[in-house]
N, C-alpha and C. Protein backbone atom coordinates (compact mmCIF):
# COMPACT_ATOMS: atom_id res chain seq x y z
N MET A 1 32.06 81.03 -16.30
CA MET A 1 30.77 81.17 -16.94
C MET A 1 30.63 80.20 -18.11
N ASP A 2 31.68 79.99 -18.90
CA ASP A 2 31.61 79.10 -20.03
C ASP A 2 31.33 77.66 -19.60
N LYS A 3 31.93 77.24 -18.51
CA LYS A 3 31.71 75.88 -18.02
C LYS A 3 30.26 75.70 -17.57
N LEU A 4 29.73 76.68 -16.89
CA LEU A 4 28.33 76.62 -16.46
C LEU A 4 27.41 76.56 -17.67
N GLU A 5 27.69 77.36 -18.65
CA GLU A 5 26.89 77.37 -19.88
C GLU A 5 26.95 76.01 -20.58
N TYR A 6 28.14 75.44 -20.65
CA TYR A 6 28.32 74.12 -21.25
C TYR A 6 27.51 73.08 -20.50
N GLU A 7 27.60 73.08 -19.18
CA GLU A 7 26.86 72.11 -18.36
C GLU A 7 25.36 72.27 -18.55
N MET A 8 24.88 73.48 -18.62
CA MET A 8 23.45 73.73 -18.82
C MET A 8 23.00 73.21 -20.18
N ASN A 9 23.84 73.41 -21.20
CA ASN A 9 23.51 72.91 -22.53
C ASN A 9 23.48 71.39 -22.56
N GLU A 10 24.40 70.74 -21.85
CA GLU A 10 24.43 69.28 -21.80
C GLU A 10 23.18 68.73 -21.11
N VAL A 11 22.78 69.36 -20.03
CA VAL A 11 21.57 68.94 -19.31
C VAL A 11 20.35 69.11 -20.22
N ALA A 12 20.29 70.21 -20.94
CA ALA A 12 19.18 70.46 -21.86
C ALA A 12 19.14 69.42 -22.98
N LYS A 13 20.31 69.05 -23.50
CA LYS A 13 20.38 68.04 -24.56
C LYS A 13 19.89 66.69 -24.06
N LYS A 14 20.31 66.32 -22.86
CA LYS A 14 19.89 65.04 -22.28
C LYS A 14 18.39 65.02 -22.05
N ALA A 15 17.84 66.12 -21.57
CA ALA A 15 16.40 66.20 -21.33
C ALA A 15 15.62 66.11 -22.64
N ALA A 16 16.13 66.75 -23.67
CA ALA A 16 15.46 66.71 -24.97
C ALA A 16 15.50 65.30 -25.55
N LYS A 17 16.63 64.62 -25.41
CA LYS A 17 16.76 63.25 -25.92
C LYS A 17 15.81 62.32 -25.16
N LYS A 18 15.74 62.49 -23.85
CA LYS A 18 14.84 61.67 -23.03
C LYS A 18 13.39 61.88 -23.46
N ALA A 19 13.02 63.11 -23.74
CA ALA A 19 11.65 63.41 -24.19
C ALA A 19 11.38 62.76 -25.55
N LYS A 20 12.36 62.78 -26.44
CA LYS A 20 12.19 62.15 -27.76
C LYS A 20 12.02 60.64 -27.62
N ILE A 21 12.77 60.04 -26.71
CA ILE A 21 12.66 58.60 -26.49
C ILE A 21 11.27 58.27 -25.94
N GLU A 22 10.77 59.07 -25.03
CA GLU A 22 9.44 58.83 -24.48
C GLU A 22 8.37 58.98 -25.57
N ASP A 23 8.52 59.98 -26.42
CA ASP A 23 7.59 60.15 -27.54
C ASP A 23 7.65 58.96 -28.50
N ALA A 24 8.85 58.48 -28.75
CA ALA A 24 9.02 57.33 -29.64
C ALA A 24 8.36 56.09 -29.05
N LYS A 25 8.49 55.89 -27.74
CA LYS A 25 7.83 54.75 -27.08
C LYS A 25 6.32 54.85 -27.23
N LYS A 26 5.79 56.05 -27.09
CA LYS A 26 4.34 56.24 -27.25
C LYS A 26 3.90 55.87 -28.66
N LEU A 27 4.71 56.23 -29.64
CA LEU A 27 4.39 55.89 -31.02
C LEU A 27 4.38 54.38 -31.21
N VAL A 28 5.37 53.69 -30.65
CA VAL A 28 5.43 52.23 -30.77
C VAL A 28 4.21 51.61 -30.09
N LEU A 29 3.84 52.10 -28.93
CA LEU A 29 2.66 51.58 -28.23
C LEU A 29 1.39 51.78 -29.06
N THR A 30 1.30 52.92 -29.70
CA THR A 30 0.14 53.20 -30.55
C THR A 30 0.08 52.23 -31.72
N VAL A 31 1.22 52.00 -32.35
CA VAL A 31 1.27 51.05 -33.47
C VAL A 31 0.88 49.66 -32.98
N LYS A 32 1.39 49.27 -31.83
CA LYS A 32 1.09 47.95 -31.28
C LYS A 32 -0.41 47.81 -30.97
N ARG A 33 -0.98 48.84 -30.34
CA ARG A 33 -2.41 48.80 -29.99
C ARG A 33 -3.30 48.73 -31.22
N MET A 34 -2.82 49.26 -32.32
CA MET A 34 -3.59 49.25 -33.56
C MET A 34 -3.36 47.96 -34.34
N GLY A 35 -2.64 47.02 -33.74
CA GLY A 35 -2.42 45.74 -34.39
C GLY A 35 -1.23 45.70 -35.32
N GLY A 36 -0.40 46.70 -35.25
CA GLY A 36 0.78 46.75 -36.10
C GLY A 36 1.85 45.77 -35.64
N THR A 37 2.67 45.37 -36.56
CA THR A 37 3.75 44.43 -36.28
C THR A 37 5.00 45.19 -35.83
N LYS A 38 6.00 44.42 -35.39
CA LYS A 38 7.29 45.03 -35.03
C LYS A 38 7.89 45.75 -36.22
N ASP A 39 7.74 45.14 -37.40
CA ASP A 39 8.31 45.76 -38.60
C ASP A 39 7.64 47.10 -38.90
N THR A 40 6.33 47.15 -38.70
CA THR A 40 5.61 48.41 -38.92
C THR A 40 6.08 49.47 -37.94
N ALA A 41 6.22 49.08 -36.67
CA ALA A 41 6.68 50.01 -35.64
C ALA A 41 8.10 50.48 -35.95
N LEU A 42 8.95 49.57 -36.37
CA LEU A 42 10.32 49.92 -36.72
C LEU A 42 10.36 50.92 -37.87
N GLN A 43 9.53 50.69 -38.86
CA GLN A 43 9.48 51.61 -40.01
C GLN A 43 8.97 52.99 -39.59
N GLU A 44 7.92 53.02 -38.77
CA GLU A 44 7.38 54.30 -38.30
C GLU A 44 8.41 55.07 -37.49
N LEU A 45 9.09 54.37 -36.58
CA LEU A 45 10.11 55.05 -35.78
C LEU A 45 11.24 55.56 -36.64
N THR A 46 11.65 54.76 -37.59
CA THR A 46 12.73 55.18 -38.48
C THR A 46 12.31 56.42 -39.28
N ASN A 47 11.08 56.41 -39.77
CA ASN A 47 10.59 57.56 -40.54
C ASN A 47 10.49 58.82 -39.69
N ASN A 48 10.03 58.66 -38.44
CA ASN A 48 9.77 59.83 -37.59
C ASN A 48 10.93 60.25 -36.71
N TYR A 49 11.78 59.32 -36.33
CA TYR A 49 12.86 59.62 -35.39
C TYR A 49 14.24 59.21 -35.88
N GLY A 50 14.34 58.77 -37.11
CA GLY A 50 15.61 58.29 -37.65
C GLY A 50 16.73 59.32 -37.64
N ASP A 51 16.37 60.60 -37.70
CA ASP A 51 17.40 61.64 -37.67
C ASP A 51 17.77 62.04 -36.25
N MET A 52 17.00 61.56 -35.25
CA MET A 52 17.26 61.94 -33.86
C MET A 52 17.80 60.79 -33.01
N LEU A 53 17.42 59.56 -33.39
CA LEU A 53 17.83 58.38 -32.63
C LEU A 53 18.62 57.45 -33.55
N SER A 54 19.56 56.74 -32.97
CA SER A 54 20.35 55.79 -33.77
C SER A 54 19.49 54.57 -34.10
N HIS A 55 19.93 53.83 -35.09
CA HIS A 55 19.21 52.62 -35.50
C HIS A 55 19.12 51.63 -34.34
N ASP A 56 20.21 51.50 -33.58
CA ASP A 56 20.22 50.60 -32.43
C ASP A 56 19.23 51.04 -31.36
N GLU A 57 19.12 52.33 -31.12
CA GLU A 57 18.16 52.85 -30.14
C GLU A 57 16.73 52.56 -30.59
N ILE A 58 16.47 52.70 -31.87
CA ILE A 58 15.14 52.45 -32.41
C ILE A 58 14.78 50.98 -32.26
N ILE A 59 15.70 50.10 -32.60
CA ILE A 59 15.45 48.66 -32.46
C ILE A 59 15.20 48.31 -31.00
N LYS A 60 15.99 48.87 -30.11
CA LYS A 60 15.83 48.61 -28.68
C LYS A 60 14.45 49.04 -28.19
N LEU A 61 13.99 50.20 -28.61
CA LEU A 61 12.67 50.68 -28.20
C LEU A 61 11.56 49.75 -28.68
N VAL A 62 11.65 49.32 -29.92
CA VAL A 62 10.63 48.42 -30.47
C VAL A 62 10.61 47.11 -29.69
N HIS A 63 11.76 46.56 -29.43
CA HIS A 63 11.83 45.29 -28.70
C HIS A 63 11.33 45.43 -27.25
N GLU A 64 11.60 46.57 -26.62
CA GLU A 64 11.10 46.80 -25.26
C GLU A 64 9.58 46.77 -25.21
N VAL A 65 8.96 47.40 -26.18
CA VAL A 65 7.49 47.48 -26.19
C VAL A 65 6.85 46.16 -26.61
N TYR A 66 7.46 45.45 -27.54
CA TYR A 66 6.86 44.23 -28.08
C TYR A 66 7.28 42.96 -27.34
N GLN A 67 8.02 43.06 -26.25
CA GLN A 67 8.47 41.85 -25.54
C GLN A 67 7.38 41.09 -24.90
């Protein structure tokens, strides 16, 4: 039972992280559509998702959207 519980928790964590990444991408797209720069998007993501995503993940998301 403990192993099943652990596996379920891991799946839930991965799903939650994936949802946060998708939300972060939407934020970057919104900043871009409003004429914001990469630096503005980076700052917004850091402010809103800095405690959930690593700095490298945030930079990667910004670069993906602004390429």
